[in-house]
Amino acid sequence: MRKKLTLAVALLLATQPIIAGASPTPTSTAQPNVHVMPAIEMGTLQRERTYRIYLPESYEDSDKHYPVLYMHDGQNLFDDATSYVGEWGVDETLNQLAQTCGLEVIVVGIDHGDKLRMTELNPYDNERFGKGEGDAYVDFLVNELKPRIDREYRTLPEREHTAVMGSSMGGLISNHAINRHPDVFGKAGIFSPSYWIAPQMFASTKNNPRLKETRTYLLTGKLEGKEMSAGHQKMQALLENTVPAGQWYAELDPQGEHNEAFWRGEFPRAVSWMFDGHCEN
């Protein structure tokens, strides 16, 4: 019998530091088409950050241009060696989907800032955690990192081919990214968003001038706790009343818990839906 995950436990997972290795280790589970990039300057935050890039297996042998998915908590996406509690298996999943249904996407995973995670991924000031740096973080994505990726790789840079995705605080900042830069991100995967820390997100989302044109995938596990479920239901109602049917998807999974295993299991369906992959799940 699964135990119900309380908000306190969810917060503990959200704030755990994860030590990232900048180079492969003997126990690395990352696939060969995942590359750990040298740390770059985050001009908006006056600090450096490592990022990881997944290139489709066909990339080196083609001249094709690819859509791009920006994801947070890069340490958790590809490699058990750098993940605190297990990886998402993004690389294995996308390699498989490319083979089975032709879905090919470049993924850029931005490492989180360890103890700075709770402020970097929150656009609003919080009495407990401090001044929110979410505006500066997503401005870094849009004004510094994305131009670099579009310059150095064969991307489809337009809004309709650019997505953002994350879980927990990463889900929250993904929601903020589509609100702050609605002309850049046309798709969002919002997993287990921490709306409890930022209730302002509902009004911000409602006022997003391009929300109706944004393909939005909202996912939460019911076992994550009452506060998480309540936030999910409030955002789902907002989407239902604002966004045309077929442009959004929301699920409150009755067995879902606040962990990488849940998010890993849901990633294939979410990424396929976001990019119209027509992959059977």
C-alpha atoms as a PDB file:
ATOM      1  CA  MET A   1       0.000   0.000   0.000  1.00  0.00           C
ATOM      2  CA  ARG A   2       1.554   3.318  -1.066  1.00  0.00           C
ATOM      3  CA  LYS A   3       1.831   5.998   1.576  1.00  0.00           C
ATOM      4  CA  LYS A   4       0.391   9.399   0.821  1.00  0.00           C
ATOM      5  CA  LEU A   5       3.141  11.955   0.216  1.00  0.00           C
ATOM      6  CA  THR A   6       2.635  15.058   2.308  1.00  0.00           C
ATOM      7  CA  LEU A   7       3.557  18.555   1.238  1.00  0.00           C
ATOM      8  CA  ALA A   8       6.383  18.496   3.764  1.00  0.00           C
ATOM      9  CA  VAL A   9       7.950  15.468   2.076  1.00  0.00           C
ATOM     10  CA  ALA A  10       7.480  17.048  -1.351  1.00  0.00           C
ATOM     11  CA  LEU A  11       9.266  20.139  -0.075  1.00  0.00           C
ATOM     12  CA  LEU A  12      12.106  18.004   1.272  1.00  0.00           C
ATOM     13  CA  LEU A  13      12.595  16.405  -2.153  1.00  0.00           C
ATOM     14  CA  ALA A  14      12.378  19.786  -3.847  1.00  0.00           C
ATOM     15  CA  THR A  15      15.130  21.270  -1.707  1.00  0.00           C
ATOM     16  CA  GLN A  16      17.606  18.355  -1.659  1.00  0.00           C
ATOM     17  CA  PRO A  17      20.972  19.325  -3.177  1.00  0.00           C
ATOM     18  CA  ILE A  18      22.229  17.226  -6.072  1.00  0.00           C
ATOM     19  CA  ILE A  19      25.926  17.075  -6.803  1.00  0.00           C
ATOM     20  CA  ALA A  20      26.557  17.124 -10.539  1.00  0.00           C
ATOM     21  CA  GLY A  21      29.576  15.573 -12.214  1.00  0.00           C
ATOM     22  CA  ALA A  22      30.886  17.569 -15.163  1.00  0.00           C
ATOM     23  CA  SER A  23      32.322  14.462 -16.826  1.00  0.00           C
ATOM     24  CA  PRO A  24      31.130  10.877 -17.325  1.00  0.00           C
ATOM     25  CA  THR A  25      31.748   8.429 -14.486  1.00  0.00           C
ATOM     26  CA  PRO A  26      32.125   4.623 -14.603  1.00  0.00           C
ATOM     27  CA  THR A  27      28.538   4.258 -13.423  1.00  0.00           C
ATOM     28  CA  SER A  28      27.091   6.746 -15.904  1.00  0.00           C
ATOM     29  CA  THR A  29      23.839   5.665 -17.566  1.00  0.00           C
ATOM     30  CA  ALA A  30      23.791   8.550 -20.060  1.00  0.00           C
ATOM     31  CA  GLN A  31      23.609   7.489 -23.700  1.00  0.00           C
ATOM     32  CA  PRO A  32      26.421   8.396 -26.129  1.00  0.00           C
ATOM     33  CA  ASN A  33      24.298  11.132 -27.730  1.00  0.00           C
ATOM     34  CA  VAL A  34      24.143  13.103 -24.462  1.00  0.00           C
ATOM     35  CA  HIS A  35      26.871  15.721 -24.067  1.00  0.00           C
ATOM     36  CA  VAL A  36      27.819  17.551 -20.852  1.00  0.00           C
ATOM     37  CA  MET A  37      28.791  21.086 -21.811  1.00  0.00           C
ATOM     38  CA  PRO A  38      31.273  23.351 -20.028  1.00  0.00           C
ATOM     39  CA  ALA A  39      29.756  25.795 -17.589  1.00  0.00           C
ATOM     40  CA  ILE A  40      28.676  29.066 -19.155  1.00  0.00           C
ATOM     41  CA  GLU A  41      28.073  32.477 -17.669  1.00  0.00           C
ATOM     42  CA  MET A  42      24.518  33.318 -16.602  1.00  0.00           C
ATOM     43  CA  GLY A  43      24.709  37.048 -17.148  1.00  0.00           C
ATOM     44  CA  THR A  44      21.302  37.691 -15.619  1.00  0.00           C
ATOM     45  CA  LEU A  45      22.328  35.975 -12.368  1.00  0.00           C
ATOM     46  CA  GLN A  46      26.085  36.591 -12.261  1.00  0.00           C
ATOM     47  CA  ARG A  47      26.959  32.918 -11.859  1.00  0.00           C
ATOM     48  CA  GLU A  48      27.932  29.961 -14.027  1.00  0.00           C
ATOM     49  CA  ARG A  49      25.968  26.872 -14.953  1.00  0.00           C
ATOM     50  CA  THR A  50      26.568  23.548 -16.661  1.00  0.00           C
ATOM     51  CA  TYR A  51      24.045  22.314 -19.197  1.00  0.00           C
ATOM     52  CA  ARG A  52      23.571  18.983 -20.947  1.00  0.00           C
ATOM     53  CA  ILE A  53      22.423  18.498 -24.497  1.00  0.00           C
ATOM     54  CA  TYR A  54      20.743  15.473 -26.055  1.00  0.00           C
ATOM     55  CA  LEU A  55      21.037  15.215 -29.836  1.00  0.00           C
ATOM     56  CA  PRO A  56      18.882  12.731 -31.780  1.00  0.00           C
ATOM     57  CA  GLU A  57      20.867   9.751 -33.010  1.00  0.00           C
ATOM     58  CA  SER A  58      20.276  10.884 -36.593  1.00  0.00           C
ATOM     59  CA  TYR A  59      21.806  14.316 -35.974  1.00  0.00           C
ATOM     60  CA  GLU A  60      25.372  13.623 -37.119  1.00  0.00           C
ATOM     61  CA  ASP A  61      24.313  11.914 -40.351  1.00  0.00           C
ATOM     62  CA  SER A  62      21.719  14.398 -41.559  1.00  0.00           C
ATOM     63  CA  ASP A  63      21.209  18.066 -42.336  1.00  0.00           C
ATOM     64  CA  LYS A  64      17.815  18.082 -40.657  1.00  0.00           C
ATOM     65  CA  HIS A  65      16.705  20.833 -38.261  1.00  0.00           C
ATOM     66  CA  TYR A  66      15.034  19.782 -35.000  1.00  0.00           C
ATOM     67  CA  PRO A  67      12.602  21.198 -32.448  1.00  0.00           C
ATOM     68  CA  VAL A  68      14.050  21.929 -29.011  1.00  0.00           C
ATOM     69  CA  LEU A  69      12.857  21.070 -25.517  1.00  0.00           C
ATOM     70  CA  TYR A  70      14.389  23.031 -22.626  1.00  0.00           C
ATOM     71  CA  MET A  71      14.289  21.159 -19.305  1.00  0.00           C
ATOM     72  CA  HIS A  72      15.334  22.054 -15.760  1.00  0.00           C
ATOM     73  CA  ASP A  73      17.229  19.999 -13.155  1.00  0.00           C
ATOM     74  CA  GLY A  74      19.565  18.690 -15.838  1.00  0.00           C
ATOM     75  CA  GLN A  75      21.355  16.410 -13.368  1.00  0.00           C
ATOM     76  CA  ASN A  76      18.209  14.269 -13.142  1.00  0.00           C
ATOM     77  CA  LEU A  77      17.365  13.874 -16.812  1.00  0.00           C
ATOM     78  CA  PHE A  78      19.908  11.499 -18.354  1.00  0.00           C
ATOM     79  CA  ASP A  79      22.198   9.932 -15.788  1.00  0.00           C
ATOM     80  CA  ASP A  80      21.850   7.975 -12.550  1.00  0.00           C
ATOM     81  CA  ALA A  81      25.396   9.043 -11.667  1.00  0.00           C
ATOM     82  CA  THR A  82      24.349  12.677 -11.263  1.00  0.00           C
ATOM     83  CA  SER A  83      20.763  12.250 -10.116  1.00  0.00           C
ATOM     84  CA  TYR A  84      19.931  12.327  -6.435  1.00  0.00           C
ATOM     85  CA  VAL A  85      16.986   9.909  -6.610  1.00  0.00           C
ATOM     86  CA  GLY A  86      17.024   8.375 -10.091  1.00  0.00           C
ATOM     87  CA  GLU A  87      16.961   9.765 -13.613  1.00  0.00           C
ATOM     88  CA  TRP A  88      14.096  10.496 -16.002  1.00  0.00           C
ATOM     89  CA  GLY A  89      15.569   8.378 -18.805  1.00  0.00           C
ATOM     90  CA  VAL A  90      14.999  11.185 -21.303  1.00  0.00           C
ATOM     91  CA  ASP A  91      17.744   9.940 -23.620  1.00  0.00           C
ATOM     92  CA  GLU A  92      16.631   6.295 -23.651  1.00  0.00           C
ATOM     93  CA  THR A  93      13.023   7.330 -24.138  1.00  0.00           C
ATOM     94  CA  LEU A  94      13.707   9.647 -27.063  1.00  0.00           C
ATOM     95  CA  ASN A  95      16.043   7.165 -28.739  1.00  0.00           C
ATOM     96  CA  GLN A  96      13.215   4.629 -28.582  1.00  0.00           C
ATOM     97  CA  LEU A  97      10.525   7.049 -29.776  1.00  0.00           C
ATOM     98  CA  ALA A  98      12.708   8.045 -32.724  1.00  0.00           C
ATOM     99  CA  GLN A  99      12.832   4.392 -33.738  1.00  0.00           C
ATOM    100  CA  THR A 100       9.173   3.574 -33.170  1.00  0.00           C
ATOM    101  CA  CYS A 101       7.377   6.701 -34.366  1.00  0.00           C
ATOM    102  CA  GLY A 102       9.955   9.120 -35.754  1.00  0.00           C
ATOM    103  CA  LEU A 103       9.788  11.652 -32.920  1.00  0.00           C
ATOM    104  CA  GLU A 104      13.122  13.516 -32.852  1.00  0.00           C
ATOM    105  CA  VAL A 105      13.802  16.409 -30.490  1.00  0.00           C
ATOM    106  CA  ILE A 106      16.910  18.172 -29.203  1.00  0.00           C
ATOM    107  CA  VAL A 107      16.820  18.440 -25.403  1.00  0.00           C
ATOM    108  CA  VAL A 108      18.747  21.052 -23.448  1.00  0.00           C
ATOM    109  CA  GLY A 109      18.914  20.230 -19.744  1.00  0.00           C
ATOM    110  CA  ILE A 110      19.988  23.102 -17.512  1.00  0.00           C
ATOM    111  CA  ASP A 111      21.561  22.001 -14.231  1.00  0.00           C
ATOM    112  CA  HIS A 112      19.935  23.469 -11.167  1.00  0.00           C
ATOM    113  CA  GLY A 113      21.802  25.676  -8.737  1.00  0.00           C
ATOM    114  CA  ASP A 114      21.887  23.275  -5.786  1.00  0.00           C
ATOM    115  CA  LYS A 115      21.065  25.423  -2.719  1.00  0.00           C
ATOM    116  CA  LEU A 116      19.928  28.219  -5.025  1.00  0.00           C
ATOM    117  CA  ARG A 117      17.273  26.040  -6.649  1.00  0.00           C
ATOM    118  CA  MET A 118      14.371  27.300  -4.542  1.00  0.00           C
ATOM    119  CA  THR A 119      15.036  30.916  -5.498  1.00  0.00           C
ATOM    120  CA  GLU A 120      16.196  30.416  -9.083  1.00  0.00           C
ATOM    121  CA  LEU A 121      13.080  28.469  -9.997  1.00  0.00           C
ATOM    122  CA  ASN A 122      10.649  30.766  -8.183  1.00  0.00           C
ATOM    123  CA  PRO A 123       9.675  34.052  -9.844  1.00  0.00           C
ATOM    124  CA  TYR A 124       8.228  35.441  -6.623  1.00  0.00           C
ATOM    125  CA  ASP A 125       9.788  36.470  -3.317  1.00  0.00           C
ATOM    126  CA  ASN A 126       9.186  34.050  -0.472  1.00  0.00           C
ATOM    127  CA  GLU A 127       9.546  34.738   3.236  1.00  0.00           C
ATOM    128  CA  ARG A 128      11.121  31.353   3.908  1.00  0.00           C
ATOM    129  CA  PHE A 129      13.384  30.909   0.878  1.00  0.00           C
ATOM    130  CA  GLY A 130      14.236  34.465  -0.099  1.00  0.00           C
ATOM    131  CA  LYS A 131      14.021  36.734  -3.120  1.00  0.00           C
ATOM    132  CA  GLY A 132      12.707  35.035  -6.226  1.00  0.00           C
ATOM    133  CA  GLU A 133      15.114  34.852  -9.169  1.00  0.00           C
ATOM    134  CA  GLY A 134      12.759  33.196 -11.644  1.00  0.00           C
ATOM    135  CA  ASP A 135      12.551  36.206 -13.952  1.00  0.00           C
ATOM    136  CA  ALA A 136      16.336  36.313 -14.277  1.00  0.00           C
ATOM    137  CA  TYR A 137      16.500  32.541 -14.775  1.00  0.00           C
ATOM    138  CA  VAL A 138      14.025  32.392 -17.660  1.00  0.00           C
ATOM    139  CA  ASP A 139      15.567  35.536 -19.153  1.00  0.00           C
ATOM    140  CA  PHE A 140      18.862  33.618 -19.177  1.00  0.00           C
ATOM    141  CA  LEU A 141      17.167  30.798 -21.067  1.00  0.00           C
ATOM    142  CA  VAL A 142      15.654  33.121 -23.644  1.00  0.00           C
ATOM    143  CA  ASN A 143      18.296  35.815 -24.079  1.00  0.00           C
ATOM    144  CA  GLU A 144      21.535  33.895 -23.483  1.00  0.00           C
ATOM    145  CA  LEU A 145      21.163  30.115 -23.756  1.00  0.00           C
ATOM    146  CA  LYS A 146      18.623  29.786 -26.573  1.00  0.00           C
ATOM    147  CA  PRO A 147      20.557  32.062 -28.975  1.00  0.00           C
ATOM    148  CA  ARG A 148      23.670  29.960 -28.311  1.00  0.00           C
ATOM    149  CA  ILE A 149      21.805  26.708 -28.972  1.00  0.00           C
ATOM    150  CA  ASP A 150      20.198  28.079 -32.143  1.00  0.00           C
ATOM    151  CA  ARG A 151      23.593  29.302 -33.337  1.00  0.00           C
ATOM    152  CA  GLU A 152      25.562  26.134 -32.621  1.00  0.00           C
ATOM    153  CA  TYR A 153      23.015  23.457 -33.528  1.00  0.00           C
ATOM    154  CA  ARG A 154      20.521  22.825 -36.310  1.00  0.00           C
ATOM    155  CA  THR A 155      17.346  23.857 -34.527  1.00  0.00           C
ATOM    156  CA  LEU A 156      13.877  24.941 -35.498  1.00  0.00           C
ATOM    157  CA  PRO A 157      13.977  28.178 -33.490  1.00  0.00           C
ATOM    158  CA  GLU A 158      10.378  29.311 -33.941  1.00  0.00           C
ATOM    159  CA  ARG A 159       7.874  29.409 -31.089  1.00  0.00           C
ATOM    160  CA  GLU A 160       5.849  26.461 -32.374  1.00  0.00           C
ATOM    161  CA  HIS A 161       8.966  24.258 -32.188  1.00  0.00           C
ATOM    162  CA  THR A 162      10.243  25.438 -28.783  1.00  0.00           C
ATOM    163  CA  ALA A 163       9.097  23.819 -25.533  1.00  0.00           C
ATOM    164  CA  VAL A 164       9.896  23.962 -21.840  1.00  0.00           C
ATOM    165  CA  MET A 165       9.362  21.219 -19.249  1.00  0.00           C
ATOM    166  CA  GLY A 166      10.130  20.434 -15.629  1.00  0.00           C
ATOM    167  CA  SER A 167       8.816  18.955 -12.403  1.00  0.00           C
ATOM    168  CA  SER A 168       8.101  20.362  -8.951  1.00  0.00           C
ATOM    169  CA  MET A 169       9.877  23.741  -8.859  1.00  0.00           C
ATOM    170  CA  GLY A 170      10.831  22.956 -12.454  1.00  0.00           C
ATOM    171  CA  GLY A 171       7.146  22.640 -13.270  1.00  0.00           C
ATOM    172  CA  LEU A 172       6.491  25.995 -11.633  1.00  0.00           C
ATOM    173  CA  ILE A 173       9.224  27.777 -13.592  1.00  0.00           C
ATOM    174  CA  SER A 174       8.068  26.126 -16.826  1.00  0.00           C
ATOM    175  CA  ASN A 175       4.657  27.659 -16.237  1.00  0.00           C
ATOM    176  CA  HIS A 176       6.317  30.999 -15.593  1.00  0.00           C
ATOM    177  CA  ALA A 177       8.417  30.701 -18.759  1.00  0.00           C
ATOM    178  CA  ILE A 178       5.362  30.557 -21.019  1.00  0.00           C
ATOM    179  CA  ASN A 179       3.871  33.532 -19.177  1.00  0.00           C
ATOM    180  CA  ARG A 180       6.967  35.742 -19.199  1.00  0.00           C
ATOM    181  CA  HIS A 181       8.058  34.825 -22.730  1.00  0.00           C
ATOM    182  CA  PRO A 182       4.848  33.839 -24.533  1.00  0.00           C
ATOM    183  CA  ASP A 183       6.384  34.642 -27.923  1.00  0.00           C
ATOM    184  CA  VAL A 184       9.288  32.215 -27.380  1.00  0.00           C
ATOM    185  CA  PHE A 185       7.761  29.084 -25.842  1.00  0.00           C
ATOM    186  CA  GLY A 186       4.833  27.504 -27.648  1.00  0.00           C
ATOM    187  CA  LYS A 187       4.678  24.318 -25.567  1.00  0.00           C
ATOM    188  CA  ALA A 188       4.985  23.485 -21.882  1.00  0.00           C
ATOM    189  CA  GLY A 189       5.178  20.292 -19.861  1.00  0.00           C
ATOM    190  CA  ILE A 190       4.212  21.215 -16.308  1.00  0.00           C
ATOM    191  CA  PHE A 191       4.784  18.237 -13.990  1.00  0.00           C
ATOM    192  CA  SER A 192       3.848  18.377 -10.283  1.00  0.00           C
ATOM    193  CA  PRO A 193       4.069  22.187 -10.198  1.00  0.00           C
ATOM    194  CA  SER A 194       4.772  23.776  -6.812  1.00  0.00           C
ATOM    195  CA  TYR A 195       1.885  26.239  -6.918  1.00  0.00           C
ATOM    196  CA  TRP A 196       1.759  26.165  -3.114  1.00  0.00           C
ATOM    197  CA  ILE A 197       4.843  28.386  -3.013  1.00  0.00           C
ATOM    198  CA  ALA A 198       3.626  30.790  -5.714  1.00  0.00           C
ATOM    199  CA  PRO A 199      -0.166  31.258  -5.835  1.00  0.00           C
ATOM    200  CA  GLN A 200       0.427  34.343  -7.996  1.00  0.00           C
ATOM    201  CA  MET A 201       0.970  31.945 -10.903  1.00  0.00           C
ATOM    202  CA  PHE A 202      -2.745  31.531 -11.514  1.00  0.00           C
ATOM    203  CA  ALA A 203      -3.371  35.200 -12.262  1.00  0.00           C
ATOM    204  CA  SER A 204      -0.173  35.392 -14.310  1.00  0.00           C
ATOM    205  CA  THR A 205      -1.257  32.414 -16.402  1.00  0.00           C
ATOM    206  CA  LYS A 206      -4.750  33.793 -16.909  1.00  0.00           C
ATOM    207  CA  ASN A 207      -3.199  37.025 -18.206  1.00  0.00           C
ATOM    208  CA  ASN A 208      -0.835  35.246 -20.614  1.00  0.00           C
ATOM    209  CA  PRO A 209      -1.736  36.856 -23.974  1.00  0.00           C
ATOM    210  CA  ARG A 210      -0.882  33.702 -25.932  1.00  0.00           C
ATOM    211  CA  LEU A 211      -2.130  31.018 -23.542  1.00  0.00           C
ATOM    212  CA  LYS A 212      -4.787  29.940 -26.038  1.00  0.00           C
ATOM    213  CA  GLU A 213      -2.018  29.238 -28.550  1.00  0.00           C
ATOM    214  CA  THR A 214       0.254  27.380 -26.098  1.00  0.00           C
ATOM    215  CA  ARG A 215       0.187  23.593 -26.039  1.00  0.00           C
ATOM    216  CA  THR A 216       0.092  22.833 -22.308  1.00  0.00           C
ATOM    217  CA  TYR A 217       0.499  19.459 -20.590  1.00  0.00           C
ATOM    218  CA  LEU A 218      -0.326  19.533 -16.864  1.00  0.00           C
ATOM    219  CA  LEU A 219       0.367  16.511 -14.659  1.00  0.00           C
ATOM    220  CA  THR A 220       0.199  15.903 -10.905  1.00  0.00           C
ATOM    221  CA  GLY A 221      -0.048  12.809  -8.730  1.00  0.00           C
ATOM    222  CA  LYS A 222      -2.905  12.608  -6.288  1.00  0.00           C
ATOM    223  CA  LEU A 223      -0.600  10.986  -3.729  1.00  0.00           C
ATOM    224  CA  GLU A 224       1.511  14.150  -3.663  1.00  0.00           C
ATOM    225  CA  GLY A 225      -0.886  15.673  -1.143  1.00  0.00           C
ATOM    226  CA  LYS A 226      -3.995  17.812  -0.851  1.00  0.00           C
ATOM    227  CA  GLU A 227      -2.228  21.126  -1.530  1.00  0.00           C
ATOM    228  CA  MET A 228      -0.659  19.775  -4.720  1.00  0.00           C
ATOM    229  CA  SER A 229      -3.968  18.349  -5.903  1.00  0.00           C
ATOM    230  CA  ALA A 230      -5.776  21.592  -5.146  1.00  0.00           C
ATOM    231  CA  GLY A 231      -3.266  23.614  -7.144  1.00  0.00           C
ATOM    232  CA  HIS A 232      -3.542  21.212 -10.062  1.00  0.00           C
ATOM    233  CA  GLN A 233      -7.330  21.365 -10.066  1.00  0.00           C
ATOM    234  CA  LYS A 234      -7.321  25.162  -9.972  1.00  0.00           C
ATOM    235  CA  MET A 235      -4.947  25.363 -12.950  1.00  0.00           C
ATOM    236  CA  GLN A 236      -6.894  22.702 -14.830  1.00  0.00           C
ATOM    237  CA  ALA A 237     -10.096  24.718 -14.384  1.00  0.00           C
ATOM    238  CA  LEU A 238      -8.299  27.811 -15.681  1.00  0.00           C
ATOM    239  CA  LEU A 239      -7.122  25.943 -18.775  1.00  0.00           C
ATOM    240  CA  GLU A 240     -10.551  24.436 -19.338  1.00  0.00           C
ATOM    241  CA  ASN A 241     -12.204  27.852 -19.219  1.00  0.00           C
ATOM    242  CA  THR A 242      -9.570  29.655 -21.278  1.00  0.00           C
ATOM    243  CA  VAL A 243      -7.834  27.358 -23.760  1.00  0.00           C
ATOM    244  CA  PRO A 244      -9.496  25.547 -26.685  1.00  0.00           C
ATOM    245  CA  ALA A 245     -10.007  21.806 -26.288  1.00  0.00           C
ATOM    246  CA  GLY A 246      -7.183  19.810 -27.784  1.00  0.00           C
ATOM    247  CA  GLN A 247      -4.640  22.535 -26.977  1.00  0.00           C
ATOM    248  CA  TRP A 248      -4.243  21.435 -23.360  1.00  0.00           C
ATOM    249  CA  TYR A 249      -4.127  18.177 -21.417  1.00  0.00           C
ATOM    250  CA  ALA A 250      -4.420  17.720 -17.663  1.00  0.00           C
ATOM    251  CA  GLU A 251      -4.243  14.615 -15.513  1.00  0.00           C
ATOM    252  CA  LEU A 252      -4.399  14.105 -11.775  1.00  0.00           C
ATOM    253  CA  ASP A 253      -3.011  10.580 -11.589  1.00  0.00           C
ATOM    254  CA  PRO A 254      -4.543   8.675  -8.650  1.00  0.00           C
ATOM    255  CA  GLN A 255      -1.320   6.676  -8.120  1.00  0.00           C
ATOM    256  CA  GLY A 256       1.188   9.415  -8.886  1.00  0.00           C
ATOM    257  CA  GLU A 257       3.819  10.336  -6.305  1.00  0.00           C
ATOM    258  CA  HIS A 258       6.315  13.200  -6.095  1.00  0.00           C
ATOM    259  CA  ASN A 259       9.347  11.458  -7.538  1.00  0.00           C
ATOM    260  CA  GLU A 260      11.394  10.811 -10.660  1.00  0.00           C
ATOM    261  CA  ALA A 261       9.855   7.378 -11.167  1.00  0.00           C
ATOM    262  CA  PHE A 262       6.425   8.968 -11.698  1.00  0.00           C
ATOM    263  CA  TRP A 263       7.754  11.668 -14.004  1.00  0.00           C
ATOM    264  CA  ARG A 264       9.876   9.199 -15.968  1.00  0.00           C
ATOM    265  CA  GLY A 265       6.827   7.004 -16.571  1.00  0.00           C
ATOM    266  CA  GLU A 266       4.789   9.933 -17.871  1.00  0.00           C
ATOM    267  CA  PHE A 267       7.502  11.557 -19.981  1.00  0.00           C
ATOM    268  CA  PRO A 268       6.988   9.473 -23.170  1.00  0.00           C
ATOM    269  CA  ARG A 269       3.307  10.329 -23.454  1.00  0.00           C
ATOM    270  CA  ALA A 270       3.864  13.964 -22.548  1.00  0.00           C
ATOM    271  CA  VAL A 271       6.662  14.616 -25.035  1.00  0.00           C
ATOM    272  CA  SER A 272       4.764  12.829 -27.789  1.00  0.00           C
ATOM    273  CA  TRP A 273       1.620  14.872 -27.120  1.00  0.00           C
ATOM    274  CA  MET A 274       3.527  18.148 -26.944  1.00  0.00           C
ATOM    275  CA  PHE A 275       5.285  17.580 -30.264  1.00  0.00           C
ATOM    276  CA  ASP A 276       2.419  15.800 -32.034  1.00  0.00           C
ATOM    277  CA  GLY A 277       4.510  12.660 -32.265  1.00  0.00           C
ATOM    278  CA  HIS A 278       1.518  10.337 -32.712  1.00  0.00           C
ATOM    279  CA  CYS A 279       3.360   7.750 -30.659  1.00  0.00           C
ATOM    280  CA  GLU A 280       1.281   5.003 -29.103  1.00  0.00           C
ATOM    281  CA  ASN A 281       1.644   4.712 -25.353  1.00  0.00           C
END
